[in-house]
All heavy atoms as atom14 arrays in JSON, in Angstrom:
{
  "sequence": "DFHATAGSATTGTTFTGTLTATSGNGTWEN",
  "atom14_mask": [
    [1, 1, 1, 1, 1, 1, 1, 1, 0, 0, 0, 0, 0, 0],
    [1, 1, 1, 1, 1, 1, 1, 1, 1, 1, 1, 0, 0, 0],
    [1, 1, 1, 1, 1, 1, 1, 1, 1, 1, 0, 0, 0, 0],
    [1, 1, 1, 1, 1, 0, 0, 0, 0, 0, 0, 0, 0, 0],
    [1, 1, 1, 1, 1, 1, 1, 0, 0, 0, 0, 0, 0, 0],
    [1, 1, 1, 1, 1, 0, 0, 0, 0, 0, 0, 0, 0, 0],
    [1, 1, 1, 1, 0, 0, 0, 0, 0, 0, 0, 0, 0, 0],
    [1, 1, 1, 1, 1, 1, 0, 0, 0, 0, 0, 0, 0, 0],
    [1, 1, 1, 1, 1, 0, 0, 0, 0, 0, 0, 0, 0, 0],
    [1, 1, 1, 1, 1, 1, 1, 0, 0, 0, 0, 0, 0, 0],
    [1, 1, 1, 1, 1, 1, 1, 0, 0, 0, 0, 0, 0, 0],
    [1, 1, 1, 1, 0, 0, 0, 0, 0, 0, 0, 0, 0, 0],
    [1, 1, 1, 1, 1, 1, 1, 0, 0, 0, 0, 0, 0, 0],
    [1, 1, 1, 1, 1, 1, 1, 0, 0, 0, 0, 0, 0, 0],
    [1, 1, 1, 1, 1, 1, 1, 1, 1, 1, 1, 0, 0, 0],
    [1, 1, 1, 1, 1, 1, 1, 0, 0, 0, 0, 0, 0, 0],
    [1, 1, 1, 1, 0, 0, 0, 0, 0, 0, 0, 0, 0, 0],
    [1, 1, 1, 1, 1, 1, 1, 0, 0, 0, 0, 0, 0, 0],
    [1, 1, 1, 1, 1, 1, 1, 1, 0, 0, 0, 0, 0, 0],
    [1, 1, 1, 1, 1, 1, 1, 0, 0, 0, 0, 0, 0, 0],
    [1, 1, 1, 1, 1, 0, 0, 0, 0, 0, 0, 0, 0, 0],
    [1, 1, 1, 1, 1, 1, 1, 0, 0, 0, 0, 0, 0, 0],
    [1, 1, 1, 1, 1, 1, 0, 0, 0, 0, 0, 0, 0, 0],
    [1, 1, 1, 1, 0, 0, 0, 0, 0, 0, 0, 0, 0, 0],
    [1, 1, 1, 1, 1, 1, 1, 1, 0, 0, 0, 0, 0, 0],
    [1, 1, 1, 1, 0, 0, 0, 0, 0, 0, 0, 0, 0, 0],
    [1, 1, 1, 1, 1, 1, 1, 0, 0, 0, 0, 0, 0, 0],
    [1, 1, 1, 1, 1, 1, 1, 1, 1, 1, 1, 1, 1, 1],
    [1, 1, 1, 1, 1, 1, 1, 1, 1, 0, 0, 0, 0, 0],
    [1, 1, 1, 1, 1, 1, 1, 1, 0, 0, 0, 0, 0, 0]
  ],
  "atom14_positions": [
    [[-1.75, 10.04, 2.01], [-2.44, 8.73, 2.08], [-1.99, 7.88, 0.9], [-2.18, 8.26, -0.25], [-3.96, 8.91, 2.05], [-4.48, 9.59, 3.3], [-3.86, 9.41, 4.37], [-5.51, 10.28, 3.21], [0.0, 0.0, 0.0], [0.0, 0.0, 0.0], [0.0, 0.0, 0.0], [0.0, 0.0, 0.0], [0.0, 0.0, 0.0], [0.0, 0.0, 0.0]],
    [[-1.39, 6.75, 1.2], [-0.77, 5.87, 0.21], [-1.67, 4.65, 0.0], [-2.03, 3.98, 0.96], [0.6, 5.43, 0.76], [1.41, 4.56, -0.13], [2.41, 5.1, -0.92], [1.23, 3.18, -0.16], [3.21, 4.31, -1.72], [2.02, 2.37, -0.96], [3.01, 2.94, -1.75], [0.0, 0.0, 0.0], [0.0, 0.0, 0.0], [0.0, 0.0, 0.0]],
    [[-2.04, 4.4, -1.26], [-2.85, 3.23, -1.62], [-2.28, 2.62, -2.89], [-2.24, 3.29, -3.92], [-4.32, 3.62, -1.88], [-4.99, 4.21, -0.69], [-5.55, 3.43, 0.3], [-5.17, 5.49, -0.31], [-6.05, 4.22, 1.23], [-5.83, 5.48, 0.88], [0.0, 0.0, 0.0], [0.0, 0.0, 0.0], [0.0, 0.0, 0.0], [0.0, 0.0, 0.0]],
    [[-1.82, 1.37, -2.81], [-1.23, 0.72, -3.98], [-1.57, -0.76, -3.97], [-1.88, -1.34, -2.92], [0.28, 0.91, -3.99], [0.0, 0.0, 0.0], [0.0, 0.0, 0.0], [0.0, 0.0, 0.0], [0.0, 0.0, 0.0], [0.0, 0.0, 0.0], [0.0, 0.0, 0.0], [0.0, 0.0, 0.0], [0.0, 0.0, 0.0], [0.0, 0.0, 0.0]],
    [[-1.52, -1.35, -5.16], [-1.77, -2.78, -5.32], [-0.6, -3.42, -6.03], [-0.12, -2.9, -7.05], [-3.06, -3.03, -6.14], [-4.15, -2.4, -5.47], [-3.35, -4.5, -6.3], [0.0, 0.0, 0.0], [0.0, 0.0, 0.0], [0.0, 0.0, 0.0], [0.0, 0.0, 0.0], [0.0, 0.0, 0.0], [0.0, 0.0, 0.0], [0.0, 0.0, 0.0]],
    [[-0.14, -4.54, -5.5], [0.9, -5.34, -6.15], [0.21, -6.56, -6.76], [-0.53, -7.26, -6.09], [1.95, -5.78, -5.15], [0.0, 0.0, 0.0], [0.0, 0.0, 0.0], [0.0, 0.0, 0.0], [0.0, 0.0, 0.0], [0.0, 0.0, 0.0], [0.0, 0.0, 0.0], [0.0, 0.0, 0.0], [0.0, 0.0, 0.0], [0.0, 0.0, 0.0]],
    [[0.44, -6.78, -8.05], [-0.25, -7.87, -8.73], [-1.59, -7.38, -9.26], [-1.77, -6.2, -9.52], [0.0, 0.0, 0.0], [0.0, 0.0, 0.0], [0.0, 0.0, 0.0], [0.0, 0.0, 0.0], [0.0, 0.0, 0.0], [0.0, 0.0, 0.0], [0.0, 0.0, 0.0], [0.0, 0.0, 0.0], [0.0, 0.0, 0.0], [0.0, 0.0, 0.0]],
    [[-2.54, -8.29, -9.37], [-3.85, -7.91, -9.93], [-4.72, -7.21, -8.91], [-4.58, -7.41, -7.7], [-4.57, -9.15, -10.46], [-5.12, -9.89, -9.39], [0.0, 0.0, 0.0], [0.0, 0.0, 0.0], [0.0, 0.0, 0.0], [0.0, 0.0, 0.0], [0.0, 0.0, 0.0], [0.0, 0.0, 0.0], [0.0, 0.0, 0.0], [0.0, 0.0, 0.0]],
    [[-5.65, -6.41, -9.41], [-6.55, -5.66, -8.53], [-7.48, -6.58, -7.76], [-7.9, -6.25, -6.64], [-7.35, -4.66, -9.35], [0.0, 0.0, 0.0], [0.0, 0.0, 0.0], [0.0, 0.0, 0.0], [0.0, 0.0, 0.0], [0.0, 0.0, 0.0], [0.0, 0.0, 0.0], [0.0, 0.0, 0.0], [0.0, 0.0, 0.0], [0.0, 0.0, 0.0]],
    [[-7.81, -7.75, -8.29], [-8.76, -8.65, -7.62], [-8.09, -9.64, -6.68], [-8.65, -9.97, -5.64], [-9.6, -9.42, -8.66], [-8.73, -10.09, -9.57], [-10.51, -8.48, -9.42], [0.0, 0.0, 0.0], [0.0, 0.0, 0.0], [0.0, 0.0, 0.0], [0.0, 0.0, 0.0], [0.0, 0.0, 0.0], [0.0, 0.0, 0.0], [0.0, 0.0, 0.0]],
    [[-6.9, -10.14, -7.02], [-6.26, -11.14, -6.18], [-4.9, -10.69, -5.64], [-4.21, -11.47, -4.98], [-6.06, -12.46, -6.96], [-5.21, -12.21, -8.08], [-7.38, -13.03, -7.42], [0.0, 0.0, 0.0], [0.0, 0.0, 0.0], [0.0, 0.0, 0.0], [0.0, 0.0, 0.0], [0.0, 0.0, 0.0], [0.0, 0.0, 0.0], [0.0, 0.0, 0.0]],
    [[-4.53, -9.46, -5.9], [-3.23, -8.96, -5.49], [-3.18, -8.52, -4.04], [-4.12, -8.71, -3.26], [0.0, 0.0, 0.0], [0.0, 0.0, 0.0], [0.0, 0.0, 0.0], [0.0, 0.0, 0.0], [0.0, 0.0, 0.0], [0.0, 0.0, 0.0], [0.0, 0.0, 0.0], [0.0, 0.0, 0.0], [0.0, 0.0, 0.0], [0.0, 0.0, 0.0]],
    [[-2.07, -7.91, -3.71], [-1.83, -7.43, -2.36], [-2.03, -5.92, -2.32], [-1.51, -5.2, -3.17], [-0.39, -7.77, -1.93], [-0.23, -9.19, -1.97], [-0.09, -7.26, -0.53], [0.0, 0.0, 0.0], [0.0, 0.0, 0.0], [0.0, 0.0, 0.0], [0.0, 0.0, 0.0], [0.0, 0.0, 0.0], [0.0, 0.0, 0.0], [0.0, 0.0, 0.0]],
    [[-2.79, -5.44, -1.34], [-3.01, -4.0, -1.19], [-2.09, -3.45, -0.1], [-1.94, -4.05, 0.96], [-4.47, -3.68, -0.84], [-4.83, -4.37, 0.36], [-5.41, -4.1, -1.95], [0.0, 0.0, 0.0], [0.0, 0.0, 0.0], [0.0, 0.0, 0.0], [0.0, 0.0, 0.0], [0.0, 0.0, 0.0], [0.0, 0.0, 0.0], [0.0, 0.0, 0.0]],
    [[-1.47, -2.34, -0.42], [-0.61, -1.62, 0.52], [-1.29, -0.3, 0.85], [-1.61, 0.47, -0.05], [0.76, -1.33, -0.11], [1.62, -2.53, -0.3], [1.42, -3.4, -1.35], [2.65, -2.79, 0.59], [2.23, -4.51, -1.54], [3.47, -3.9, 0.42], [3.26, -4.77, -0.64], [0.0, 0.0, 0.0], [0.0, 0.0, 0.0], [0.0, 0.0, 0.0]],
    [[-1.53, -0.03, 2.12], [-2.1, 1.24, 2.54], [-1.24, 1.81, 3.66], [-0.61, 1.06, 4.41], [-3.55, 1.1, 3.05], [-3.57, 0.16, 4.13], [-4.48, 0.63, 1.94], [0.0, 0.0, 0.0], [0.0, 0.0, 0.0], [0.0, 0.0, 0.0], [0.0, 0.0, 0.0], [0.0, 0.0, 0.0], [0.0, 0.0, 0.0], [0.0, 0.0, 0.0]],
    [[-1.18, 3.13, 3.73], [-0.39, 3.75, 4.77], [-0.29, 5.24, 4.57], [-1.09, 5.84, 3.85], [0.0, 0.0, 0.0], [0.0, 0.0, 0.0], [0.0, 0.0, 0.0], [0.0, 0.0, 0.0], [0.0, 0.0, 0.0], [0.0, 0.0, 0.0], [0.0, 0.0, 0.0], [0.0, 0.0, 0.0], [0.0, 0.0, 0.0], [0.0, 0.0, 0.0]],
    [[0.74, 5.82, 5.19], [0.93, 7.26, 5.17], [2.38, 7.59, 4.86], [3.29, 6.96, 5.4], [0.55, 7.86, 6.54], [-0.78, 7.47, 6.86], [0.61, 9.37, 6.5], [0.0, 0.0, 0.0], [0.0, 0.0, 0.0], [0.0, 0.0, 0.0], [0.0, 0.0, 0.0], [0.0, 0.0, 0.0], [0.0, 0.0, 0.0], [0.0, 0.0, 0.0]],
    [[2.56, 8.6, 4.02], [3.89, 9.11, 3.71], [4.11, 10.47, 4.35], [3.17, 11.25, 4.49], [4.07, 9.28, 2.19], [3.92, 8.06, 1.3], [4.16, 8.46, -0.15], [4.84, 6.94, 1.72], [0.0, 0.0, 0.0], [0.0, 0.0, 0.0], [0.0, 0.0, 0.0], [0.0, 0.0, 0.0], [0.0, 0.0, 0.0], [0.0, 0.0, 0.0]],
    [[5.35, 10.73, 4.75], [5.79, 12.08, 5.06], [6.68, 12.49, 3.87], [6.8, 11.74, 2.91], [6.59, 12.14, 6.36], [7.83, 11.44, 6.18], [5.81, 11.54, 7.52], [0.0, 0.0, 0.0], [0.0, 0.0, 0.0], [0.0, 0.0, 0.0], [0.0, 0.0, 0.0], [0.0, 0.0, 0.0], [0.0, 0.0, 0.0], [0.0, 0.0, 0.0]],
    [[7.34, 13.61, 3.95], [8.19, 14.04, 2.85], [9.38, 13.11, 2.63], [9.95, 13.05, 1.55], [8.68, 15.47, 3.08], [0.0, 0.0, 0.0], [0.0, 0.0, 0.0], [0.0, 0.0, 0.0], [0.0, 0.0, 0.0], [0.0, 0.0, 0.0], [0.0, 0.0, 0.0], [0.0, 0.0, 0.0], [0.0, 0.0, 0.0], [0.0, 0.0, 0.0]],
    [[9.76, 12.33, 3.66], [10.96, 11.49, 3.55], [10.78, 10.03, 3.88], [11.65, 9.21, 3.59], [12.07, 12.03, 4.47], [11.59, 12.04, 5.82], [12.5, 13.43, 4.06], [0.0, 0.0, 0.0], [0.0, 0.0, 0.0], [0.0, 0.0, 0.0], [0.0, 0.0, 0.0], [0.0, 0.0, 0.0], [0.0, 0.0, 0.0], [0.0, 0.0, 0.0]],
    [[9.66, 9.64, 4.51], [9.48, 8.23, 4.89], [8.0, 7.87, 4.89], [7.14, 8.73, 4.81], [10.08, 7.96, 6.27], [9.4, 8.68, 7.26], [0.0, 0.0, 0.0], [0.0, 0.0, 0.0], [0.0, 0.0, 0.0], [0.0, 0.0, 0.0], [0.0, 0.0, 0.0], [0.0, 0.0, 0.0], [0.0, 0.0, 0.0], [0.0, 0.0, 0.0]],
    [[7.75, 6.57, 4.99], [6.38, 6.1, 5.02], [6.28, 4.74, 5.66], [7.27, 4.01, 5.79], [0.0, 0.0, 0.0], [0.0, 0.0, 0.0], [0.0, 0.0, 0.0], [0.0, 0.0, 0.0], [0.0, 0.0, 0.0], [0.0, 0.0, 0.0], [0.0, 0.0, 0.0], [0.0, 0.0, 0.0], [0.0, 0.0, 0.0], [0.0, 0.0, 0.0]],
    [[5.05, 4.39, 6.08], [4.82, 3.06, 6.64], [3.32, 2.78, 6.62], [2.51, 3.68, 6.43], [5.38, 2.94, 8.05], [4.74, 3.91, 9.01], [3.55, 3.81, 9.31], [5.5, 4.87, 9.48], [0.0, 0.0, 0.0], [0.0, 0.0, 0.0], [0.0, 0.0, 0.0], [0.0, 0.0, 0.0], [0.0, 0.0, 0.0], [0.0, 0.0, 0.0]],
    [[3.0, 1.52, 6.79], [1.59, 1.13, 6.79], [1.43, -0.37, 6.88], [2.32, -1.07, 7.37], [0.0, 0.0, 0.0], [0.0, 0.0, 0.0], [0.0, 0.0, 0.0], [0.0, 0.0, 0.0], [0.0, 0.0, 0.0], [0.0, 0.0, 0.0], [0.0, 0.0, 0.0], [0.0, 0.0, 0.0], [0.0, 0.0, 0.0], [0.0, 0.0, 0.0]],
    [[0.32, -0.84, 6.36], [0.01, -2.27, 6.39], [-0.23, -2.77, 4.98], [-0.5, -2.0, 4.06], [-1.23, -2.55, 7.26], [-2.35, -1.83, 6.71], [-1.01, -2.13, 8.7], [0.0, 0.0, 0.0], [0.0, 0.0, 0.0], [0.0, 0.0, 0.0], [0.0, 0.0, 0.0], [0.0, 0.0, 0.0], [0.0, 0.0, 0.0], [0.0, 0.0, 0.0]],
    [[-0.13, -4.08, 4.81], [-0.45, -4.71, 3.54], [-1.3, -5.95, 3.8], [-1.25, -6.54, 4.89], [0.81, -5.06, 2.75], [1.73, -6.06, 3.41], [2.76, -5.79, 4.25], [1.68, -7.48, 3.26], [3.36, -6.94, 4.66], [2.73, -8.01, 4.06], [0.88, -8.36, 2.56], [2.99, -9.37, 4.14], [1.14, -9.73, 2.66], [2.19, -10.22, 3.44]],
    [[-2.1, -6.32, 2.79], [-2.96, -7.49, 2.95], [-3.23, -8.13, 1.59], [-3.47, -7.44, 0.6], [-4.29, -7.09, 3.58], [-5.25, -8.26, 3.74], [-6.58, -7.86, 4.32], [-7.0, -6.7, 4.13], [-7.22, -8.72, 4.95], [0.0, 0.0, 0.0], [0.0, 0.0, 0.0], [0.0, 0.0, 0.0], [0.0, 0.0, 0.0], [0.0, 0.0, 0.0]],
    [[-3.18, -9.44, 1.58], [-3.64, -10.22, 0.44], [-4.75, -11.11, 0.99], [-4.51, -12.18, 1.54], [-2.51, -11.06, -0.17], [-2.97, -11.83, -1.38], [-3.96, -12.55, -1.32], [-2.26, -11.67, -2.48], [0.0, 0.0, 0.0], [0.0, 0.0, 0.0], [0.0, 0.0, 0.0], [0.0, 0.0, 0.0], [0.0, 0.0, 0.0], [0.0, 0.0, 0.0]]
  ]
}
């Protein structure tokens, strides 16, 4: 389970998704 933020925690973009051992994908939202 992948959870990351680009920029600030309050106004930044959140990336969520799933990784396998070699690849990953998901959604992002600002």
